[in-house]
Amino acid sequence: MRHWIWILSFLTGSFWTPWAASAQSPGNGKRPPNVVIVFADDLGYADLGCFGAAKIKTPHLDRMAKEGVRFTSFYTAQAVCSASRAALLTGKYSNRTGILGALGPASKQGLGSNNTTIALMLKALGYSTALFGKWHLGHLPENLPTRHGFDEYFGLPYSNDMWPQHPTAKFPDLPLMEGEKIIAHNPDQTKLTTWYTEKAVDFIGRNKDRPFFLYVAHNMPHVPLFVSDRHKGISAGGLYGDVIEELDWSVGEILAALKKHGIDDNTIVIFTSDNGPWLSYGNHAGSAGRLREGKGTAWEGGVRVPFLARWPGHLPAGKEQHEPAMTIDVLPTIARITGAKLPSGKIDGKDTLPLLRVEPGAKSPHEAYYFYWNKHLQAVRSGQWKLYFPHTYRTMAGSAPGADGKPGPYKEAQCGLELYNLAADLSETHDVAAQNPEVVRILQVLAEGMRRDLGDEPPKQKKAKATP
């Protein structure tokens, strides 16, 4: 144990000590706090006003930042839809759940019953639970949200682009589901954000007198982009800006409902995204700001996402947290907040309540965070350092969609054994592996431990075509 403490202190420049298990519970004595998670789809790190957006106005999310905590170094476990959602809901690296990539309509896979979701964990405490929006963890009956702890479900079982109009793939009709029934095919996507919001507000009203967990997983701003008539053409950021400003409106409606029913100060609201922006869609894509690359990569632009947490009277207002955290930490942190018992088995996430509280000297409880793409370990971050292992990735930066609506071109790029100091080089432009061999060695040791646990399987190399 002392060996690992020394490693962390070497990497972060500070000495780490475990949190006291007897820390005071944050509950207010009335009842367990409500939990609301709003999860955007493909939202870029710099798409919100409080994260630097200039043309897109997000007053409600900016208010969340002013009245709560803004994490500047928050990560998703993998930069792709299904894997990211599995990690958020289970507190496990997605590889441990068996969910990789983005499940499609032809997939028979889903989140197995050996994985306990936040919803199941909280139902054991008597919580009402609901999901409105995108599930993407299996569409067969045995894999639906209602089989994983959600009392109510309304939304799309997978991505909104898995429909007949997809520009490069063939998909069947896109279903809209309520509970376990399909209620419409190819629904009007301009109404999705409104429908999810109305369902969320109604759920809050019906459950105002009991604890609840509300998970609003918007399909936007995943392409194809859709926005309601009331928000169309209102943003200086074009259609993409309209979509983000409607998501901001949705958050505002949820916050207003909590205030209306007098449960504002007994509800923690979290807002974040499943991964970074899909850069190949030009002005229909978000912005990663200064971060390198986007969705589908382990670079910062793919895995670092906005994160806001608001809980009046329990979390400080207007604070920033620069320590790293990840979606795998949400479940154990909610367990701490609500008094829920952690699920049995291996949980990769850790309680990050001291980070949410911005307690003096609070540090990430992890020695490192690990970034897989499919089954291949591509990067590890510890402290200010991020080490990449050799891999091929698709670079889409600067590409733009064609006139036929198909995504812009991408090319394959190569990453070697590369080290970046994120504290000094957020854009990951200067590989400093040669100047820091001891840091490289330590991070390689950490990575070897994860490989023994979750494995490491690089993608198979394509055979070169024979020259005629």
Protein backbone atom coordinates (compact mmCIF):
# COMPACT_ATOMS: atom_id res chain seq x y z
CA MET A 1 0.00 0.00 0.00
CA ARG A 2 2.79 2.42 0.86
CA HIS A 3 4.26 1.72 -2.56
CA TRP A 4 1.11 2.97 -4.30
CA ILE A 5 0.76 5.98 -2.04
CA TRP A 6 4.33 6.92 -2.96
CA ILE A 7 3.50 6.56 -6.68
CA LEU A 8 0.51 8.86 -6.38
CA SER A 9 2.39 11.45 -4.40
CA PHE A 10 5.15 11.38 -7.00
CA LEU A 11 2.66 11.94 -9.82
CA THR A 12 0.50 14.60 -8.22
CA GLY A 13 3.00 16.41 -6.08
CA SER A 14 0.88 15.92 -2.98
CA PHE A 15 0.49 13.27 -0.33
CA TRP A 16 -2.70 11.23 -0.46
CA THR A 17 -4.53 9.88 2.55
CA PRO A 18 -7.69 7.75 2.53
CA TRP A 19 -10.96 9.42 3.43
CA ALA A 20 -12.39 8.66 6.81
CA ALA A 21 -15.15 6.08 6.52
CA SER A 22 -16.99 7.78 9.35
CA ALA A 23 -17.50 11.08 7.49
CA GLN A 24 -20.80 12.75 8.34
CA SER A 25 -23.75 11.84 6.12
CA PRO A 26 -24.96 14.77 3.97
CA GLY A 27 -28.67 13.97 4.30
CA ASN A 28 -30.91 16.67 5.77
CA GLY A 29 -32.88 14.37 8.08
CA LYS A 30 -36.20 14.75 6.22
CA ARG A 31 -35.79 11.90 3.76
CA PRO A 32 -33.09 10.58 1.44
CA PRO A 33 -32.26 13.16 -1.23
CA ASN A 34 -33.66 12.91 -4.74
CA VAL A 35 -31.20 12.29 -7.55
CA VAL A 36 -31.51 13.74 -11.07
CA ILE A 37 -29.01 12.95 -13.82
CA VAL A 38 -29.28 14.72 -17.18
CA PHE A 39 -27.10 13.02 -19.78
CA ALA A 40 -26.51 14.68 -23.15
CA ASP A 41 -25.37 12.75 -26.24
CA ASP A 42 -22.20 13.85 -28.07
CA LEU A 43 -22.04 17.22 -26.30
CA GLY A 44 -18.66 18.90 -26.71
CA TYR A 45 -16.55 20.14 -23.81
CA ALA A 46 -16.87 23.75 -24.98
CA ASP A 47 -20.56 23.75 -25.93
CA LEU A 48 -21.90 25.44 -22.79
CA GLY A 49 -21.54 29.09 -21.81
CA CYS A 50 -19.95 28.12 -18.50
CA PHE A 51 -17.37 26.08 -20.44
CA GLY A 52 -16.50 28.78 -22.95
CA ALA A 53 -19.18 28.74 -25.67
CA ALA A 54 -19.47 32.20 -27.22
CA LYS A 55 -22.37 31.82 -29.67
CA ILE A 56 -24.53 29.40 -27.68
CA LYS A 57 -26.49 30.72 -24.71
CA THR A 58 -27.09 28.33 -21.82
CA PRO A 59 -28.42 30.45 -18.93
CA HIS A 60 -29.92 27.57 -16.93
CA LEU A 61 -26.79 25.43 -17.09
CA ASP A 62 -24.71 28.52 -16.34
CA ARG A 63 -26.92 29.02 -13.29
CA MET A 64 -26.19 25.45 -12.24
CA ALA A 65 -22.50 26.33 -12.36
CA LYS A 66 -23.06 29.49 -10.30
CA GLU A 67 -25.17 27.66 -7.73
CA GLY A 68 -23.12 24.48 -7.69
CA VAL A 69 -19.82 22.92 -8.72
CA ARG A 70 -18.21 22.82 -12.15
CA PHE A 71 -15.73 20.02 -12.81
CA THR A 72 -13.10 20.98 -15.37
CA SER A 73 -11.50 17.53 -15.59
CA PHE A 74 -14.38 15.08 -15.72
CA TYR A 75 -14.23 11.99 -17.92
CA THR A 76 -16.44 9.44 -19.56
CA ALA A 77 -15.14 5.87 -19.42
CA GLN A 78 -15.23 5.30 -23.20
CA ALA A 79 -15.94 7.78 -25.97
CA VAL A 80 -18.85 5.87 -27.47
CA CYS A 81 -22.55 5.56 -26.69
CA SER A 82 -23.36 2.17 -25.16
CA ALA A 83 -20.06 1.66 -23.38
CA SER A 84 -20.29 5.12 -21.83
CA ARG A 85 -23.82 4.55 -20.52
CA ALA A 86 -22.94 1.17 -19.06
CA ALA A 87 -20.13 2.76 -17.04
CA LEU A 88 -22.32 5.59 -15.76
CA LEU A 89 -25.15 3.37 -14.56
CA THR A 90 -23.06 0.56 -13.03
CA GLY A 91 -19.95 2.26 -11.66
CA LYS A 92 -17.82 -0.19 -13.65
CA TYR A 93 -15.49 0.20 -16.56
CA SER A 94 -17.63 -0.79 -19.52
CA ASN A 95 -15.33 -3.72 -20.33
CA ARG A 96 -16.28 -5.23 -16.99
CA THR A 97 -19.97 -4.99 -17.90
CA GLY A 98 -19.45 -6.68 -21.26
CA ILE A 99 -20.81 -3.66 -23.15
CA LEU A 100 -18.50 -2.33 -25.86
CA GLY A 101 -19.03 0.16 -28.65
CA ALA A 102 -22.56 1.15 -29.72
CA LEU A 103 -25.22 -1.57 -29.78
CA GLY A 104 -27.40 -1.58 -32.89
CA PRO A 105 -30.88 -2.85 -33.78
CA ALA A 106 -29.46 -6.21 -34.85
CA SER A 107 -27.61 -6.77 -31.59
CA LYS A 108 -28.96 -9.38 -29.19
CA GLN A 109 -26.65 -8.15 -26.44
CA GLY A 110 -27.63 -6.06 -23.45
CA LEU A 111 -26.66 -5.10 -19.93
CA GLY A 112 -26.55 -8.41 -18.08
CA SER A 113 -28.43 -9.09 -14.86
CA ASN A 114 -25.08 -9.35 -13.06
CA ASN A 115 -24.78 -5.57 -13.35
CA THR A 116 -26.62 -3.47 -10.76
CA THR A 117 -27.64 -0.03 -11.97
CA ILE A 118 -28.07 3.14 -9.94
CA ALA A 119 -31.83 2.62 -10.33
CA LEU A 120 -31.73 -0.88 -8.83
CA MET A 121 -29.49 0.29 -6.01
CA LEU A 122 -31.88 3.09 -5.08
CA LYS A 123 -35.04 1.01 -5.45
CA ALA A 124 -33.78 -1.01 -2.49
CA LEU A 125 -34.25 2.21 -0.47
CA GLY A 126 -37.80 2.73 -1.73
CA TYR A 127 -36.98 5.24 -4.47
CA SER A 128 -39.27 5.79 -7.46
CA THR A 129 -37.20 5.54 -10.61
CA ALA A 130 -37.65 6.70 -14.21
CA LEU A 131 -35.70 6.97 -17.44
CA PHE A 132 -36.85 9.34 -20.16
CA GLY A 133 -34.68 9.32 -23.26
CA LYS A 134 -32.00 7.13 -24.76
CA TRP A 135 -31.28 3.72 -23.22
CA HIS A 136 -28.84 2.01 -25.66
CA LEU A 137 -28.04 -0.94 -23.41
CA GLY A 138 -30.12 -3.58 -25.17
CA HIS A 139 -33.54 -3.38 -26.83
CA LEU A 140 -34.77 -6.96 -26.33
CA PRO A 141 -37.36 -7.37 -23.54
CA GLU A 142 -34.93 -8.91 -21.05
CA ASN A 143 -32.52 -5.99 -21.51
CA LEU A 144 -34.89 -3.02 -21.26
CA PRO A 145 -34.69 -0.36 -18.51
CA THR A 146 -37.74 -1.85 -16.77
CA ARG A 147 -35.65 -4.99 -16.15
CA HIS A 148 -32.84 -2.92 -14.66
CA GLY A 149 -34.58 -1.01 -11.91
CA PHE A 150 -36.57 1.68 -13.72
CA ASP A 151 -40.26 1.88 -12.83
CA GLU A 152 -40.95 4.04 -15.87
CA TYR A 153 -39.36 4.28 -19.30
CA PHE A 154 -40.15 6.43 -22.33
CA GLY A 155 -37.71 6.96 -25.18
CA LEU A 156 -35.59 5.45 -27.92
CA PRO A 157 -33.85 2.13 -27.22
CA TYR A 158 -30.74 3.17 -29.17
CA SER A 159 -29.26 6.10 -31.10
CA ASN A 160 -31.55 8.41 -33.06
CA ASP A 161 -29.47 7.91 -36.23
CA MET A 162 -30.26 4.19 -36.33
CA TRP A 163 -33.18 4.84 -38.65
CA PRO A 164 -33.96 4.33 -42.36
CA GLN A 165 -32.56 7.74 -43.37
CA HIS A 166 -29.02 7.00 -42.14
CA PRO A 167 -26.62 8.19 -44.87
CA THR A 168 -24.15 5.28 -44.73
CA ALA A 169 -25.94 2.29 -43.15
CA LYS A 170 -29.23 0.42 -43.46
CA PHE A 171 -31.41 0.38 -40.37
CA PRO A 172 -35.04 -0.66 -39.83
CA ASP A 173 -37.66 1.69 -38.44
CA LEU A 174 -36.67 3.57 -35.29
CA PRO A 175 -39.00 2.64 -32.40
CA LEU A 176 -40.31 4.92 -29.66
CA MET A 177 -41.02 2.90 -26.53
CA GLU A 178 -43.06 3.34 -23.38
CA GLY A 179 -42.44 0.74 -20.73
CA GLU A 180 -41.80 -2.40 -22.76
CA LYS A 181 -44.06 -1.56 -25.70
CA ILE A 182 -43.34 0.15 -29.00
CA ILE A 183 -45.82 3.02 -29.28
CA ALA A 184 -44.58 4.58 -32.53
CA HIS A 185 -42.18 4.03 -35.42
CA ASN A 186 -39.90 6.80 -36.69
CA PRO A 187 -41.31 9.39 -34.29
CA ASP A 188 -41.09 13.12 -34.95
CA GLN A 189 -37.65 13.84 -33.54
CA THR A 190 -38.32 17.56 -33.32
CA LYS A 191 -40.48 16.69 -30.31
CA LEU A 192 -38.10 14.35 -28.46
CA THR A 193 -36.49 16.93 -26.17
CA THR A 194 -39.91 18.41 -25.35
CA TRP A 195 -41.46 15.02 -24.67
CA TYR A 196 -38.61 13.94 -22.37
CA THR A 197 -38.83 17.22 -20.50
CA GLU A 198 -42.58 17.04 -20.05
CA LYS A 199 -42.29 13.47 -18.79
CA ALA A 200 -39.57 14.51 -16.34
CA VAL A 201 -41.59 17.43 -14.96
CA ASP A 202 -44.66 15.23 -14.58
CA PHE A 203 -42.64 12.54 -12.81
CA ILE A 204 -41.27 15.09 -10.34
CA GLY A 205 -44.78 16.30 -9.57
CA ARG A 206 -46.12 12.79 -9.01
CA ASN A 207 -43.21 11.83 -6.74
CA LYS A 208 -42.63 15.05 -4.84
CA ASP A 209 -43.51 13.40 -1.52
CA ARG A 210 -41.16 10.43 -1.83
CA PRO A 211 -37.51 9.99 -2.84
CA PHE A 212 -36.91 9.51 -6.54
CA PHE A 213 -34.20 8.91 -9.11
CA LEU A 214 -34.76 10.62 -12.45
CA TYR A 215 -32.47 9.85 -15.40
CA VAL A 216 -33.04 12.10 -18.43
CA ALA A 217 -30.89 10.82 -21.29
CA HIS A 218 -31.39 13.19 -24.20
CA ASN A 219 -30.82 11.97 -27.76
CA MET A 220 -29.46 15.39 -28.70
CA PRO A 221 -27.07 16.70 -29.89
CA HIS A 222 -26.33 13.36 -31.59
CA VAL A 223 -26.86 13.70 -35.34
CA PRO A 224 -29.30 13.94 -37.04
CA LEU A 225 -30.08 17.17 -35.24
CA PHE A 226 -33.68 18.09 -34.47
CA VAL A 227 -35.17 20.97 -32.54
CA SER A 228 -38.72 22.06 -31.77
CA ASP A 229 -40.34 24.99 -33.58
CA ARG A 230 -40.21 27.12 -30.44
CA HIS A 231 -36.40 26.92 -30.32
CA LYS A 232 -35.68 26.84 -34.04
CA GLY A 233 -33.56 29.70 -35.34
CA ILE A 234 -33.00 31.32 -31.94
CA SER A 235 -29.27 30.70 -31.57
CA ALA A 236 -26.31 32.50 -33.08
CA GLY A 237 -24.72 29.06 -33.18
CA GLY A 238 -26.98 27.82 -35.98
CA LEU A 239 -28.99 24.59 -35.79
CA TYR A 240 -26.50 23.02 -33.42
CA GLY A 241 -26.80 26.03 -31.14
CA ASP A 242 -30.61 25.78 -31.29
CA VAL A 243 -30.37 22.16 -30.14
CA ILE A 244 -28.09 22.99 -27.21
CA GLU A 245 -30.24 25.93 -26.15
CA GLU A 246 -33.27 23.63 -26.12
CA LEU A 247 -31.38 21.22 -23.86
CA ASP A 248 -30.65 24.18 -21.61
CA TRP A 249 -34.37 25.01 -21.59
CA SER A 250 -35.06 21.41 -20.56
CA VAL A 251 -32.72 21.71 -17.58
CA GLY A 252 -34.43 24.98 -16.65
CA GLU A 253 -37.84 23.27 -16.65
CA ILE A 254 -36.54 20.50 -14.38
CA LEU A 255 -35.00 22.99 -11.95
CA ALA A 256 -38.23 25.01 -11.93
CA ALA A 257 -40.27 21.89 -11.14
CA LEU A 258 -38.03 21.08 -8.17
CA LYS A 259 -38.43 24.65 -6.91
CA LYS A 260 -42.21 24.62 -7.44
CA HIS A 261 -42.65 21.50 -5.32
CA GLY A 262 -40.34 22.65 -2.54
CA ILE A 263 -37.75 19.91 -3.01
CA ASP A 264 -35.00 22.01 -4.59
CA ASP A 265 -32.69 21.78 -1.58
CA ASN A 266 -33.24 18.03 -1.20
CA THR A 267 -32.31 17.14 -4.78
CA ILE A 268 -28.87 16.74 -6.30
CA VAL A 269 -28.89 17.51 -10.02
CA ILE A 270 -26.03 16.32 -12.22
CA PHE A 271 -25.48 17.31 -15.85
CA THR A 272 -22.87 15.75 -18.13
CA SER A 273 -22.35 14.07 -21.52
CA ASP A 274 -21.67 10.55 -22.76
CA ASN A 275 -18.59 11.58 -24.78
CA GLY A 276 -17.10 14.42 -26.77
CA PRO A 277 -18.36 15.84 -30.10
CA TRP A 278 -18.68 13.91 -33.35
CA LEU A 279 -16.34 16.12 -35.33
CA SER A 280 -17.05 14.70 -38.79
CA TYR A 281 -20.33 16.58 -39.09
CA GLY A 282 -18.91 20.07 -39.50
CA ASN A 283 -21.28 22.78 -38.27
CA HIS A 284 -23.67 20.07 -37.05
CA ALA A 285 -21.08 19.03 -34.48
CA GLY A 286 -20.04 20.47 -31.17
CA SER A 287 -16.76 21.93 -30.02
CA ALA A 288 -14.04 20.33 -27.95
CA GLY A 289 -12.44 23.74 -27.48
CA ARG A 290 -8.72 23.45 -26.85
CA LEU A 291 -8.96 19.69 -26.43
CA ARG A 292 -7.51 17.34 -29.03
CA GLU A 293 -9.80 15.27 -31.29
CA GLY A 294 -13.35 14.17 -30.39
CA LYS A 295 -15.77 11.28 -30.09
CA GLY A 296 -14.35 7.83 -30.74
CA THR A 297 -10.87 8.59 -29.44
CA ALA A 298 -9.09 8.42 -26.09
CA TRP A 299 -7.67 11.91 -26.62
CA GLU A 300 -9.00 14.57 -24.26
CA GLY A 301 -11.56 15.83 -26.79
CA GLY A 302 -13.15 12.40 -26.89
CA VAL A 303 -13.32 11.58 -23.19
CA ARG A 304 -13.27 14.87 -21.25
CA VAL A 305 -16.82 16.24 -20.92
CA PRO A 306 -18.67 19.04 -19.13
CA PHE A 307 -19.88 18.17 -15.62
CA LEU A 308 -22.07 20.24 -13.32
CA ALA A 309 -23.52 19.31 -9.93
CA ARG A 310 -26.01 21.37 -7.94
CA TRP A 311 -27.45 20.65 -4.50
CA PRO A 312 -28.37 23.83 -2.59
CA GLY A 313 -27.23 23.83 1.00
CA HIS A 314 -25.07 20.74 0.59
CA LEU A 315 -22.63 21.60 -2.19
CA PRO A 316 -20.82 24.94 -2.37
CA ALA A 317 -21.98 27.50 -4.90
CA GLY A 318 -19.85 28.87 -7.71
CA LYS A 319 -16.90 26.55 -7.13
CA GLU A 320 -14.62 24.77 -9.59
CA GLN A 321 -13.10 21.35 -9.10
CA HIS A 322 -9.95 20.63 -11.09
CA GLU A 323 -9.27 17.15 -9.71
CA PRO A 324 -10.14 14.41 -12.21
CA ALA A 325 -13.26 12.28 -11.80
CA MET A 326 -15.17 9.90 -14.08
CA THR A 327 -18.64 8.56 -14.75
CA ILE A 328 -17.72 5.34 -12.91
CA ASP A 329 -17.60 7.44 -9.72
CA VAL A 330 -21.23 8.57 -9.95
CA LEU A 331 -22.79 5.36 -8.57
CA PRO A 332 -20.58 5.06 -5.44
CA THR A 333 -20.93 8.79 -4.78
CA ILE A 334 -24.71 8.54 -4.98
CA ALA A 335 -24.54 5.54 -2.65
CA ARG A 336 -22.67 7.71 -0.13
CA ILE A 337 -25.13 10.59 -0.51
CA THR A 338 -28.26 8.46 -0.15
CA GLY A 339 -27.00 5.85 2.29
CA ALA A 340 -27.54 3.08 -0.25
CA LYS A 341 -25.61 -0.16 -0.03
CA LEU A 342 -23.06 -0.61 -2.78
CA PRO A 343 -23.81 -3.46 -5.18
CA SER A 344 -21.94 -6.70 -4.60
CA GLY A 345 -18.99 -7.56 -6.80
CA LYS A 346 -16.31 -5.37 -8.28
CA ILE A 347 -17.10 -1.66 -8.55
CA ASP A 348 -14.41 0.39 -10.26
CA GLY A 349 -15.72 3.81 -9.24
CA LYS A 350 -15.06 5.48 -5.91
CA ASP A 351 -16.85 7.93 -3.65
CA THR A 352 -16.00 11.45 -4.81
CA LEU A 353 -18.22 13.41 -2.42
CA PRO A 354 -15.21 15.31 -1.00
CA LEU A 355 -14.52 16.51 -4.55
CA LEU A 356 -18.14 17.56 -5.00
CA ARG A 357 -17.91 19.48 -1.74
CA VAL A 358 -14.61 20.99 -2.91
CA GLU A 359 -13.15 20.14 0.48
CA PRO A 360 -9.70 21.68 1.08
CA GLY A 361 -6.98 19.28 0.01
CA ALA A 362 -9.42 16.72 -1.46
CA LYS A 363 -7.76 14.61 -4.14
CA SER A 364 -9.03 12.05 -6.59
CA PRO A 365 -9.36 8.70 -4.79
CA HIS A 366 -7.99 6.88 -7.85
CA GLU A 367 -4.37 6.11 -8.52
CA ALA A 368 -5.24 6.37 -12.18
CA TYR A 369 -8.03 6.37 -14.73
CA TYR A 370 -7.90 4.00 -17.68
CA PHE A 371 -9.18 4.60 -21.19
CA TYR A 372 -10.12 1.64 -23.35
CA TRP A 373 -11.39 1.60 -26.89
CA ASN A 374 -13.26 -1.65 -27.30
CA LYS A 375 -10.89 -4.17 -25.66
CA HIS A 376 -7.69 -2.19 -26.16
CA LEU A 377 -6.19 -0.10 -23.37
CA GLN A 378 -5.16 3.09 -25.16
CA ALA A 379 -4.31 5.51 -22.35
CA VAL A 380 -3.91 5.98 -18.62
CA ARG A 381 -4.10 9.20 -16.63
CA SER A 382 -2.63 9.73 -13.17
CA GLY A 383 -2.28 13.17 -11.65
CA GLN A 384 -1.22 15.65 -14.31
CA TRP A 385 0.16 12.97 -16.60
CA LYS A 386 -1.53 11.05 -19.39
CA LEU A 387 0.30 8.24 -21.16
CA TYR A 388 -0.86 6.85 -24.50
CA PHE A 389 0.03 3.40 -25.75
CA PRO A 390 0.61 2.69 -29.44
CA HIS A 391 -2.67 2.51 -31.36
CA THR A 392 -4.43 3.58 -34.52
CA TYR A 393 -7.27 6.05 -34.25
CA ARG A 394 -9.64 7.81 -36.60
CA THR A 395 -8.93 11.50 -36.81
CA MET A 396 -11.90 13.57 -37.93
CA ALA A 397 -10.79 17.03 -36.86
CA GLY A 398 -11.51 19.61 -39.52
CA SER A 399 -13.66 17.35 -41.69
CA ALA A 400 -17.02 18.53 -42.96
CA PRO A 401 -20.09 16.69 -44.27
CA GLY A 402 -20.65 16.50 -48.00
CA ALA A 403 -23.62 17.84 -49.92
CA ASP A 404 -25.21 14.36 -49.74
CA GLY A 405 -25.38 14.60 -45.95
CA LYS A 406 -22.82 11.90 -45.38
CA PRO A 407 -20.25 12.53 -42.64
CA GLY A 408 -17.01 14.16 -43.59
CA PRO A 409 -13.92 12.15 -44.42
CA TYR A 410 -11.63 10.80 -41.79
CA LYS A 411 -8.21 9.26 -41.93
CA GLU A 412 -6.37 6.80 -39.79
CA ALA A 413 -3.61 8.24 -37.63
CA GLN A 414 -0.97 6.56 -35.52
CA CYS A 415 -0.21 7.20 -31.87
CA GLY A 416 3.01 5.90 -30.37
CA LEU A 417 4.08 5.63 -26.73
CA GLU A 418 3.41 9.27 -25.89
CA LEU A 419 3.27 11.22 -22.63
CA TYR A 420 1.53 14.55 -22.05
CA ASN A 421 1.55 16.90 -19.09
CA LEU A 422 -2.07 18.04 -19.02
CA ALA A 423 -1.36 20.75 -16.48
CA ALA A 424 0.97 22.49 -18.94
CA ASP A 425 -0.32 21.19 -22.26
CA LEU A 426 -4.09 20.72 -22.24
CA SER A 427 -4.19 20.45 -26.03
CA GLU A 428 -1.75 17.50 -26.00
CA THR A 429 0.63 18.95 -28.57
CA HIS A 430 4.01 18.19 -26.94
CA ASP A 431 5.00 14.59 -26.29
CA VAL A 432 7.32 14.65 -23.26
CA ALA A 433 7.90 10.91 -22.87
CA ALA A 434 11.63 11.20 -23.64
CA GLN A 435 12.10 13.85 -20.94
CA ASN A 436 10.20 11.90 -18.26
CA PRO A 437 11.20 8.22 -18.44
CA GLU A 438 10.41 7.59 -14.76
CA VAL A 439 6.85 8.88 -15.14
CA VAL A 440 6.43 6.67 -18.21
CA ARG A 441 7.69 3.67 -16.25
CA ILE A 442 5.30 4.28 -13.34
CA LEU A 443 2.31 4.68 -15.62
CA GLN A 444 3.28 1.53 -17.48
CA VAL A 445 3.28 -0.33 -14.17
CA LEU A 446 -0.22 0.96 -13.41
CA ALA A 447 -1.38 -0.05 -16.88
CA GLU A 448 -0.01 -3.56 -16.46
CA GLY A 449 -2.14 -3.95 -13.37
CA MET A 450 -5.26 -3.00 -15.32
CA ARG A 451 -4.31 -5.32 -18.16
CA ARG A 452 -4.14 -8.21 -15.72
CA ASP A 453 -7.59 -7.26 -14.51
CA LEU A 454 -9.51 -6.31 -17.68
CA GLY A 455 -7.17 -7.50 -20.42
CA ASP A 456 -5.80 -5.69 -23.43
CA GLU A 457 -6.61 -6.80 -26.94
CA PRO A 458 -5.46 -4.49 -29.75
CA PRO A 459 -7.60 -4.62 -32.90
CA LYS A 460 -6.46 -7.11 -35.48
CA GLN A 461 -4.37 -5.63 -38.25
CA LYS A 462 -5.99 -5.64 -41.66
CA LYS A 463 -4.16 -7.75 -44.22
CA ALA A 464 -2.63 -5.73 -47.00
CA LYS A 465 -4.12 -6.36 -50.43
CA ALA A 466 -1.82 -8.16 -52.82
CA THR A 467 -0.38 -6.01 -55.58
CA PRO A 468 -1.63 -7.22 -58.99
